[in-house]
N, C-alpha and C. Protein backbone atom coordinates (compact mmCIF):
# COMPACT_ATOMS: atom_id res chain seq x y z
N MET A 1 101.65 120.45 95.13
CA MET A 1 100.76 119.32 95.17
C MET A 1 101.21 118.29 94.14
N LEU A 2 101.19 117.03 94.53
CA LEU A 2 101.58 115.95 93.64
C LEU A 2 100.45 115.61 92.68
N GLY A 3 100.82 115.23 91.48
CA GLY A 3 99.83 114.76 90.53
C GLY A 3 99.38 113.36 90.90
N SER A 4 98.28 112.90 90.33
CA SER A 4 97.76 111.59 90.69
C SER A 4 98.71 110.47 90.28
N ALA A 5 99.39 110.61 89.14
CA ALA A 5 100.33 109.58 88.71
C ALA A 5 101.55 109.54 89.64
N ALA A 6 102.03 110.69 90.05
CA ALA A 6 103.17 110.74 90.96
C ALA A 6 102.80 110.18 92.33
N LEU A 7 101.59 110.47 92.78
CA LEU A 7 101.14 109.96 94.07
C LEU A 7 101.01 108.44 94.04
N ARG A 8 100.47 107.90 92.95
CA ARG A 8 100.35 106.44 92.82
C ARG A 8 101.73 105.79 92.81
N GLU A 9 102.66 106.39 92.10
CA GLU A 9 104.02 105.82 92.04
C GLU A 9 104.69 105.87 93.41
N LEU A 10 104.51 106.96 94.12
CA LEU A 10 105.09 107.09 95.45
C LEU A 10 104.48 106.06 96.41
N LEU A 11 103.18 105.86 96.34
CA LEU A 11 102.52 104.87 97.19
C LEU A 11 102.99 103.45 96.84
N LEU A 12 103.20 103.18 95.56
CA LEU A 12 103.69 101.87 95.15
C LEU A 12 105.10 101.62 95.70
N VAL A 13 105.95 102.61 95.63
CA VAL A 13 107.32 102.47 96.15
C VAL A 13 107.30 102.23 97.66
N VAL A 14 106.47 102.97 98.36
CA VAL A 14 106.38 102.78 99.83
C VAL A 14 105.81 101.41 100.15
N ALA A 15 104.80 100.96 99.40
CA ALA A 15 104.20 99.65 99.65
C ALA A 15 105.21 98.53 99.40
N VAL A 16 106.00 98.62 98.34
CA VAL A 16 107.00 97.60 98.05
C VAL A 16 108.08 97.60 99.14
N ALA A 17 108.45 98.77 99.62
CA ALA A 17 109.45 98.85 100.70
C ALA A 17 108.93 98.21 101.98
N VAL A 18 107.68 98.46 102.32
CA VAL A 18 107.09 97.88 103.53
C VAL A 18 107.01 96.36 103.41
N VAL A 19 106.59 95.87 102.27
CA VAL A 19 106.52 94.42 102.07
C VAL A 19 107.91 93.80 102.17
N GLY A 20 108.91 94.45 101.61
CA GLY A 20 110.28 93.94 101.70
C GLY A 20 110.78 93.89 103.13
N LEU A 21 110.49 94.91 103.90
CA LEU A 21 110.90 94.91 105.32
C LEU A 21 110.18 93.81 106.10
N LEU A 22 108.91 93.60 105.82
CA LEU A 22 108.17 92.54 106.51
C LEU A 22 108.74 91.17 106.17
N LEU A 23 109.03 90.93 104.90
CA LEU A 23 109.61 89.65 104.51
C LEU A 23 111.00 89.43 105.12
N ALA A 24 111.80 90.49 105.18
CA ALA A 24 113.13 90.37 105.79
C ALA A 24 113.02 90.07 107.28
N THR A 25 112.06 90.69 107.95
CA THR A 25 111.86 90.45 109.37
C THR A 25 111.41 89.02 109.62
N VAL A 26 110.49 88.53 108.81
CA VAL A 26 110.03 87.15 108.95
C VAL A 26 111.17 86.18 108.70
N ALA A 27 111.97 86.42 107.67
CA ALA A 27 113.09 85.53 107.37
C ALA A 27 114.14 85.54 108.48
N ALA A 28 114.33 86.69 109.12
CA ALA A 28 115.36 86.79 110.16
C ALA A 28 114.94 86.13 111.46
N PHE A 29 113.67 86.20 111.80
CA PHE A 29 113.24 85.72 113.12
C PHE A 29 112.49 84.40 113.10
N THR A 30 112.25 83.81 111.94
CA THR A 30 111.60 82.51 111.86
C THR A 30 112.66 81.42 112.03
N PRO A 31 112.41 80.46 112.92
CA PRO A 31 113.40 79.38 113.06
C PRO A 31 113.46 78.53 111.80
N TRP A 32 114.66 78.13 111.43
CA TRP A 32 114.86 77.32 110.24
C TRP A 32 114.69 75.86 110.61
N PRO A 33 114.16 75.06 109.70
CA PRO A 33 113.96 73.65 110.02
C PRO A 33 115.29 72.91 110.16
N VAL A 34 115.31 71.97 111.08
CA VAL A 34 116.51 71.18 111.30
C VAL A 34 116.44 69.94 110.42
N THR A 35 117.50 69.68 109.69
CA THR A 35 117.53 68.49 108.85
C THR A 35 118.30 67.40 109.58
N PRO A 36 117.82 66.17 109.53
CA PRO A 36 118.53 65.08 110.21
C PRO A 36 119.94 64.91 109.62
N GLY A 37 120.92 64.88 110.48
CA GLY A 37 122.30 64.71 110.05
C GLY A 37 122.91 65.97 109.47
N GLY A 38 122.18 67.06 109.48
CA GLY A 38 122.70 68.30 108.93
C GLY A 38 123.32 69.17 110.00
N SER A 39 123.62 70.38 109.62
CA SER A 39 124.23 71.31 110.56
C SER A 39 123.16 71.90 111.48
N ALA A 40 123.59 72.63 112.47
CA ALA A 40 122.68 73.26 113.41
C ALA A 40 121.83 74.31 112.70
N PRO A 41 120.65 74.59 113.23
CA PRO A 41 119.79 75.58 112.58
C PRO A 41 120.42 76.96 112.58
N SER A 42 120.11 77.71 111.56
CA SER A 42 120.66 79.06 111.45
C SER A 42 119.90 80.02 112.35
N GLY A 43 120.53 81.12 112.67
CA GLY A 43 119.91 82.16 113.46
C GLY A 43 120.62 83.46 113.21
N LEU A 44 120.17 84.49 113.89
CA LEU A 44 120.82 85.78 113.75
C LEU A 44 122.23 85.71 114.31
N VAL A 45 123.13 86.42 113.71
CA VAL A 45 124.54 86.41 114.12
C VAL A 45 124.71 87.39 115.27
N GLU A 46 125.33 86.94 116.33
CA GLU A 46 125.63 87.82 117.45
C GLU A 46 127.00 88.43 117.20
N VAL A 47 127.07 89.75 117.26
CA VAL A 47 128.34 90.42 117.03
C VAL A 47 128.98 90.70 118.38
N ARG A 48 130.07 90.02 118.64
CA ARG A 48 130.81 90.20 119.89
C ARG A 48 132.29 90.17 119.57
N GLY A 49 133.02 91.00 120.25
CA GLY A 49 134.46 90.96 120.09
C GLY A 49 135.06 89.84 120.92
N PRO A 50 136.29 89.47 120.64
CA PRO A 50 136.92 88.41 121.43
C PRO A 50 137.19 88.91 122.85
N SER A 51 137.09 88.00 123.78
CA SER A 51 137.39 88.39 125.16
C SER A 51 138.91 88.47 125.30
N VAL A 52 139.38 89.63 125.65
CA VAL A 52 140.83 89.89 125.75
C VAL A 52 141.21 90.00 127.22
N SER A 53 142.18 89.25 127.60
CA SER A 53 142.67 89.31 128.96
C SER A 53 143.67 90.45 129.09
N THR A 54 143.51 91.26 130.13
CA THR A 54 144.44 92.37 130.35
C THR A 54 145.65 91.94 131.19
N ASP A 55 145.60 90.70 131.70
CA ASP A 55 146.73 90.20 132.49
C ASP A 55 147.77 89.62 131.56
N ARG A 56 148.98 90.14 131.67
CA ARG A 56 150.08 89.62 130.85
C ARG A 56 150.84 88.59 131.67
N PRO A 57 151.22 87.50 131.04
CA PRO A 57 151.90 86.43 131.81
C PRO A 57 153.25 86.84 132.36
N ASP A 58 153.91 87.84 131.72
CA ASP A 58 155.23 88.24 132.22
C ASP A 58 155.17 89.33 133.28
N GLY A 59 153.96 89.79 133.64
CA GLY A 59 153.82 90.79 134.67
C GLY A 59 154.02 92.21 134.21
N ALA A 60 154.31 92.42 132.92
CA ALA A 60 154.55 93.77 132.42
C ALA A 60 153.23 94.53 132.33
N VAL A 61 153.33 95.83 132.39
CA VAL A 61 152.14 96.70 132.30
C VAL A 61 152.18 97.39 130.95
N GLY A 62 151.01 97.46 130.29
CA GLY A 62 150.88 98.22 129.06
C GLY A 62 151.32 97.47 127.91
């Protein structure tokens, strides 16, 4: 059984972790304001590899 001080500390750590995750989620999915003359608004990065063509111009295989 946990002591009352240990239980309070554990609950505090869990509460801070939950608040951090909520703030990170809000920051990731909230649209950023567009500034006039500035760059495009930021968003989540899409991870995609480059599209590679399997056709070789010289007709060789492999």
